[in-house]
N, C-alpha and C. Protein backbone atom coordinates (compact mmCIF):
# COMPACT_ATOMS: atom_id res chain seq x y z
N MET A 1 0.84 -1.17 0.00
CA MET A 1 0.00 0.00 0.00
C MET A 1 0.89 1.23 0.00
N ASN A 2 0.55 2.20 -0.81
CA ASN A 2 1.29 3.45 -0.91
C ASN A 2 0.32 4.58 -0.59
N SER A 3 0.30 5.03 0.65
CA SER A 3 -0.62 6.06 1.08
C SER A 3 0.05 6.93 2.13
N VAL A 4 -0.11 8.26 1.98
CA VAL A 4 0.52 9.20 2.90
C VAL A 4 -0.54 10.16 3.44
N LYS A 5 -0.49 10.36 4.76
CA LYS A 5 -1.27 11.39 5.45
C LYS A 5 -0.30 12.06 6.39
N LEU A 6 -0.22 13.38 6.36
CA LEU A 6 0.64 14.07 7.30
C LEU A 6 0.17 15.50 7.48
N SER A 7 0.58 16.07 8.58
CA SER A 7 0.23 17.44 8.91
C SER A 7 1.49 18.15 9.34
N GLY A 8 1.71 19.35 8.83
CA GLY A 8 2.92 20.08 9.17
C GLY A 8 2.83 21.52 8.74
N THR A 9 3.99 22.17 8.70
CA THR A 9 4.10 23.59 8.38
C THR A 9 4.87 23.76 7.09
N LEU A 10 4.38 24.64 6.20
CA LEU A 10 5.10 24.93 4.97
C LEU A 10 6.37 25.70 5.28
N ASP A 11 7.49 25.24 4.72
CA ASP A 11 8.78 25.90 4.95
C ASP A 11 8.91 27.20 4.16
N THR A 12 8.41 27.20 2.93
CA THR A 12 8.49 28.36 2.05
C THR A 12 7.15 28.52 1.34
N ASP A 13 6.98 29.61 0.62
CA ASP A 13 5.78 29.76 -0.18
C ASP A 13 5.75 28.68 -1.26
N PRO A 14 4.58 28.10 -1.53
CA PRO A 14 4.48 27.12 -2.61
C PRO A 14 4.82 27.77 -3.95
N LYS A 15 5.47 27.00 -4.81
CA LYS A 15 5.84 27.49 -6.14
C LYS A 15 4.93 26.81 -7.17
N VAL A 16 4.13 27.62 -7.87
CA VAL A 16 3.23 27.08 -8.89
C VAL A 16 3.79 27.43 -10.26
N GLU A 17 3.89 26.42 -11.11
CA GLU A 17 4.28 26.66 -12.49
C GLU A 17 3.29 25.94 -13.40
N PHE A 18 3.12 26.48 -14.59
CA PHE A 18 2.20 25.87 -15.55
C PHE A 18 3.01 25.25 -16.67
N LEU A 19 2.74 23.97 -16.93
CA LEU A 19 3.44 23.25 -17.97
C LEU A 19 2.87 23.64 -19.34
N GLU A 20 3.55 23.24 -20.41
CA GLU A 20 3.08 23.56 -21.75
C GLU A 20 1.65 23.09 -21.98
N SER A 21 1.27 22.01 -21.33
CA SER A 21 -0.09 21.47 -21.47
C SER A 21 -1.13 22.36 -20.78
N GLY A 22 -0.66 23.33 -19.97
CA GLY A 22 -1.56 24.18 -19.21
C GLY A 22 -1.84 23.67 -17.81
N LYS A 23 -1.35 22.46 -17.51
CA LYS A 23 -1.57 21.87 -16.18
C LYS A 23 -0.66 22.53 -15.15
N ALA A 24 -1.22 22.81 -13.98
CA ALA A 24 -0.46 23.43 -12.90
C ALA A 24 0.31 22.37 -12.12
N LYS A 25 1.53 22.73 -11.73
CA LYS A 25 2.35 21.90 -10.84
C LYS A 25 2.79 22.79 -9.69
N CYS A 26 2.45 22.38 -8.48
CA CYS A 26 2.80 23.13 -7.28
C CYS A 26 3.83 22.33 -6.48
N SER A 27 4.95 22.96 -6.18
CA SER A 27 6.00 22.32 -5.37
C SER A 27 6.11 23.06 -4.05
N PHE A 28 6.24 22.30 -2.97
CA PHE A 28 6.38 22.89 -1.65
C PHE A 28 7.01 21.89 -0.71
N SER A 29 7.39 22.36 0.45
CA SER A 29 8.04 21.52 1.44
C SER A 29 7.29 21.65 2.77
N VAL A 30 7.05 20.51 3.41
CA VAL A 30 6.33 20.48 4.68
C VAL A 30 7.25 19.93 5.76
N SER A 31 7.31 20.64 6.89
CA SER A 31 8.09 20.18 8.04
C SER A 31 7.16 19.81 9.18
N LEU A 32 7.57 18.79 9.93
CA LEU A 32 6.83 18.42 11.13
C LEU A 32 7.81 17.95 12.17
N VAL A 33 7.41 18.07 13.42
CA VAL A 33 8.25 17.65 14.53
C VAL A 33 7.64 16.40 15.14
N GLN A 34 8.47 15.38 15.29
CA GLN A 34 8.04 14.12 15.90
C GLN A 34 8.61 14.05 17.30
N GLY A 35 7.74 13.92 18.28
CA GLY A 35 8.17 13.87 19.68
C GLY A 35 8.10 15.24 20.32
N LYS A 36 8.14 15.25 21.66
CA LYS A 36 8.01 16.52 22.38
C LYS A 36 9.06 16.69 23.46
N ASP A 37 10.08 15.89 23.44
CA ASP A 37 11.10 16.01 24.48
C ASP A 37 12.45 16.24 23.82
N LYS A 38 13.51 15.99 24.55
CA LYS A 38 14.85 16.25 24.01
C LYS A 38 15.20 15.32 22.85
N TYR A 39 14.40 14.27 22.65
CA TYR A 39 14.64 13.34 21.56
C TYR A 39 13.79 13.64 20.33
N SER A 40 13.09 14.78 20.32
CA SER A 40 12.24 15.09 19.18
C SER A 40 13.10 15.35 17.94
N ARG A 41 12.50 15.04 16.79
CA ARG A 41 13.19 15.21 15.51
C ARG A 41 12.30 15.98 14.56
N GLU A 42 12.91 16.83 13.75
CA GLU A 42 12.17 17.53 12.70
C GLU A 42 12.36 16.77 11.40
N HIS A 43 11.27 16.58 10.68
CA HIS A 43 11.29 15.91 9.38
C HIS A 43 10.80 16.90 8.33
N CYS A 44 11.40 16.85 7.16
CA CYS A 44 11.03 17.73 6.07
C CYS A 44 10.71 16.88 4.84
N PHE A 45 9.56 17.15 4.21
CA PHE A 45 9.11 16.37 3.07
C PHE A 45 8.87 17.27 1.86
N ASP A 46 9.50 16.93 0.73
CA ASP A 46 9.22 17.62 -0.53
C ASP A 46 7.89 17.10 -1.05
N CYS A 47 7.03 18.02 -1.50
CA CYS A 47 5.69 17.65 -1.96
C CYS A 47 5.40 18.28 -3.31
N GLN A 48 4.50 17.65 -4.06
CA GLN A 48 4.00 18.18 -5.31
C GLN A 48 2.50 17.97 -5.34
N ALA A 49 1.80 18.94 -5.90
CA ALA A 49 0.36 18.80 -6.15
C ALA A 49 0.11 19.29 -7.57
N TRP A 50 -0.79 18.64 -8.25
CA TRP A 50 -1.03 18.91 -9.66
C TRP A 50 -2.44 19.44 -9.87
N GLY A 51 -2.63 20.16 -10.98
CA GLY A 51 -3.95 20.60 -11.40
C GLY A 51 -4.60 21.54 -10.41
N SER A 52 -5.89 21.36 -10.21
CA SER A 52 -6.67 22.27 -9.37
C SER A 52 -6.22 22.24 -7.91
N VAL A 53 -5.79 21.10 -7.42
CA VAL A 53 -5.31 21.02 -6.04
C VAL A 53 -4.03 21.85 -5.90
N GLY A 54 -3.13 21.73 -6.87
CA GLY A 54 -1.91 22.53 -6.85
C GLY A 54 -2.17 24.02 -6.92
N GLU A 55 -3.10 24.42 -7.78
CA GLU A 55 -3.45 25.83 -7.88
C GLU A 55 -4.01 26.35 -6.55
N MET A 56 -4.89 25.56 -5.92
CA MET A 56 -5.50 25.97 -4.66
C MET A 56 -4.43 26.12 -3.57
N ILE A 57 -3.50 25.19 -3.49
CA ILE A 57 -2.44 25.27 -2.48
C ILE A 57 -1.60 26.53 -2.72
N GLY A 58 -1.27 26.80 -3.98
CA GLY A 58 -0.49 27.99 -4.30
C GLY A 58 -1.19 29.29 -3.94
N GLU A 59 -2.51 29.31 -4.04
CA GLU A 59 -3.28 30.52 -3.73
C GLU A 59 -3.56 30.67 -2.24
N LYS A 60 -3.83 29.57 -1.56
CA LYS A 60 -4.33 29.61 -0.19
C LYS A 60 -3.25 29.52 0.88
N TYR A 61 -2.15 28.85 0.60
CA TYR A 61 -1.14 28.58 1.62
C TYR A 61 0.14 29.38 1.35
N LYS A 62 0.79 29.79 2.43
CA LYS A 62 2.05 30.53 2.37
C LYS A 62 3.02 29.92 3.37
N ALA A 63 4.27 30.36 3.32
CA ALA A 63 5.27 29.89 4.29
C ALA A 63 4.75 30.08 5.70
N GLY A 64 4.86 29.07 6.53
CA GLY A 64 4.39 29.13 7.91
C GLY A 64 2.98 28.61 8.10
N SER A 65 2.23 28.42 7.00
CA SER A 65 0.87 27.89 7.10
C SER A 65 0.90 26.44 7.54
N VAL A 66 -0.09 26.06 8.34
CA VAL A 66 -0.27 24.66 8.70
C VAL A 66 -1.10 24.01 7.60
N ILE A 67 -0.65 22.86 7.13
CA ILE A 67 -1.36 22.15 6.08
C ILE A 67 -1.52 20.69 6.51
N GLU A 68 -2.66 20.13 6.20
CA GLU A 68 -2.90 18.71 6.47
C GLU A 68 -3.10 18.00 5.15
N ILE A 69 -2.18 17.14 4.84
CA ILE A 69 -2.29 16.33 3.62
C ILE A 69 -3.18 15.14 3.96
N ALA A 70 -4.38 15.16 3.40
CA ALA A 70 -5.37 14.13 3.71
C ALA A 70 -5.13 12.87 2.90
N HIS A 71 -4.57 13.02 1.69
CA HIS A 71 -4.31 11.86 0.86
C HIS A 71 -3.18 12.17 -0.10
N GLY A 72 -2.17 11.34 -0.07
CA GLY A 72 -1.04 11.46 -0.98
C GLY A 72 -0.37 10.12 -1.15
N ILE A 73 0.59 10.06 -2.06
CA ILE A 73 1.38 8.85 -2.27
C ILE A 73 2.86 9.24 -2.34
N LEU A 74 3.72 8.27 -2.15
CA LEU A 74 5.15 8.47 -2.32
C LEU A 74 5.50 8.15 -3.77
N ASN A 75 6.34 9.01 -4.37
CA ASN A 75 6.77 8.79 -5.74
C ASN A 75 8.28 9.00 -5.81
N GLU A 76 8.97 8.06 -6.40
CA GLU A 76 10.42 8.19 -6.56
C GLU A 76 10.73 8.85 -7.89
N GLU A 77 11.52 9.92 -7.84
CA GLU A 77 11.98 10.59 -9.05
C GLU A 77 13.44 10.22 -9.26
N ARG A 78 13.79 9.93 -10.51
CA ARG A 78 15.19 9.60 -10.86
C ARG A 78 15.61 10.48 -12.02
N TRP A 79 16.88 10.91 -11.98
CA TRP A 79 17.43 11.70 -13.06
C TRP A 79 18.94 11.51 -13.07
N SER A 80 19.56 11.92 -14.16
CA SER A 80 21.01 11.83 -14.31
C SER A 80 21.60 13.21 -14.03
N ASP A 81 22.55 13.27 -13.10
CA ASP A 81 23.22 14.52 -12.77
C ASP A 81 24.00 14.99 -13.98
N LYS A 82 23.75 16.21 -14.44
CA LYS A 82 24.38 16.72 -15.66
C LYS A 82 25.88 16.87 -15.53
N SER A 83 26.38 17.19 -14.34
CA SER A 83 27.82 17.41 -14.18
C SER A 83 28.59 16.12 -13.93
N THR A 84 28.00 15.15 -13.24
CA THR A 84 28.74 13.93 -12.90
C THR A 84 28.26 12.70 -13.67
N GLY A 85 27.05 12.77 -14.22
CA GLY A 85 26.49 11.61 -14.92
C GLY A 85 25.89 10.58 -13.97
N GLU A 86 26.01 10.82 -12.66
CA GLU A 86 25.47 9.88 -11.68
C GLU A 86 23.95 9.92 -11.66
N THR A 87 23.36 8.77 -11.37
CA THR A 87 21.91 8.72 -11.21
C THR A 87 21.56 9.24 -9.83
N ARG A 88 20.65 10.18 -9.80
CA ARG A 88 20.17 10.76 -8.55
C ARG A 88 18.72 10.33 -8.37
N ARG A 89 18.27 10.36 -7.12
CA ARG A 89 16.87 10.04 -6.86
C ARG A 89 16.43 10.75 -5.60
N ARG A 90 15.12 10.94 -5.52
CA ARG A 90 14.52 11.51 -4.32
C ARG A 90 13.08 11.01 -4.24
N ILE A 91 12.57 11.00 -3.04
CA ILE A 91 11.19 10.60 -2.79
C ILE A 91 10.38 11.89 -2.58
N VAL A 92 9.26 11.98 -3.28
CA VAL A 92 8.38 13.15 -3.20
C VAL A 92 6.99 12.66 -2.80
N VAL A 93 6.31 13.44 -1.95
CA VAL A 93 4.92 13.17 -1.63
C VAL A 93 4.06 13.84 -2.70
N VAL A 94 3.31 13.04 -3.46
CA VAL A 94 2.37 13.59 -4.44
C VAL A 94 1.03 13.73 -3.72
N VAL A 95 0.55 14.97 -3.65
CA VAL A 95 -0.62 15.31 -2.86
C VAL A 95 -1.87 15.32 -3.74
N PHE A 96 -2.89 14.57 -3.32
CA PHE A 96 -4.16 14.53 -4.03
C PHE A 96 -5.24 15.34 -3.33
N ASP A 97 -5.14 15.47 -2.01
CA ASP A 97 -6.20 16.15 -1.26
C ASP A 97 -5.62 16.72 0.02
N VAL A 98 -6.05 17.93 0.38
CA VAL A 98 -5.65 18.55 1.64
C VAL A 98 -6.91 18.95 2.40
N LYS A 99 -6.75 19.00 3.71
CA LYS A 99 -7.83 19.49 4.57
C LYS A 99 -7.44 20.87 5.07
N PRO A 100 -8.42 21.72 5.35
CA PRO A 100 -8.08 23.04 5.87
C PRO A 100 -7.44 22.93 7.25
N ALA A 101 -6.60 23.91 7.56
CA ALA A 101 -6.02 23.97 8.90
C ALA A 101 -7.15 24.20 9.90
N PRO A 102 -6.95 23.88 11.16
CA PRO A 102 -8.03 24.00 12.15
C PRO A 102 -8.71 25.36 12.22
N THR A 103 -8.02 26.44 11.83
CA THR A 103 -8.61 27.76 11.91
C THR A 103 -9.29 28.19 10.61
N GLU A 104 -9.23 27.33 9.59
CA GLU A 104 -9.79 27.69 8.29
C GLU A 104 -11.06 26.89 8.03
N THR A 105 -11.84 27.35 7.08
CA THR A 105 -13.04 26.62 6.69
C THR A 105 -12.95 26.28 5.21
N GLY A 106 -13.81 25.40 4.78
CA GLY A 106 -13.80 25.00 3.37
C GLY A 106 -12.78 23.92 3.12
N GLY A 107 -12.34 23.80 1.93
CA GLY A 107 -11.36 22.79 1.55
C GLY A 107 -11.61 22.37 0.12
N VAL A 108 -10.88 21.41 -0.30
CA VAL A 108 -11.07 20.93 -1.66
C VAL A 108 -11.89 19.66 -1.62
N GLY A 109 -12.38 19.27 -2.75
CA GLY A 109 -13.15 18.04 -2.83
C GLY A 109 -12.27 16.83 -2.71
N GLY A 110 -12.74 15.73 -3.22
CA GLY A 110 -11.97 14.49 -3.16
C GLY A 110 -10.77 14.53 -4.09
N PRO A 111 -10.00 13.47 -4.09
CA PRO A 111 -8.79 13.42 -4.89
C PRO A 111 -9.10 13.50 -6.37
N ASP A 112 -8.22 14.16 -7.13
CA ASP A 112 -8.36 14.28 -8.57
C ASP A 112 -7.17 13.58 -9.22
N TYR A 113 -7.28 12.28 -9.42
CA TYR A 113 -6.18 11.48 -9.93
C TYR A 113 -5.85 11.83 -11.38
N ASP A 114 -6.77 12.41 -12.13
CA ASP A 114 -6.53 12.73 -13.52
C ASP A 114 -5.52 13.84 -13.70
N ASP A 115 -5.25 14.65 -12.66
CA ASP A 115 -4.32 15.75 -12.77
C ASP A 115 -2.86 15.31 -12.65
N VAL A 116 -2.60 14.12 -12.14
CA VAL A 116 -1.23 13.66 -11.93
C VAL A 116 -0.73 13.04 -13.24
N PRO A 117 0.45 13.47 -13.71
CA PRO A 117 0.90 13.07 -15.05
C PRO A 117 1.59 11.70 -15.14
N PHE A 118 1.38 10.82 -14.20
CA PHE A 118 1.97 9.48 -14.30
C PHE A 118 0.98 8.44 -13.90
């Protein structure tokens, strides 16, 4: 099973770009703290949202906003480093649905799988 749910704080403003197809791609990073004592750890996750969900995140959320990812999956990206030729990889959370932060109202509908390009 590949399913992600997490809640955290945006590190920076989401970056929305539109591909040649006109589809929106929103990239952002979410941090969360695990634990509450001297052993607590901060985790940072790179995230992407596509289409209408990505546009909404870009418009509604800013650095420091609390976001709850209600449904996402892990996706491995691979590429060849241009300077070394080495294969690089990273894991990204692909976001399908978010819930409003506790102080906000509204939200988006259910997941829109058609907006994800893979």
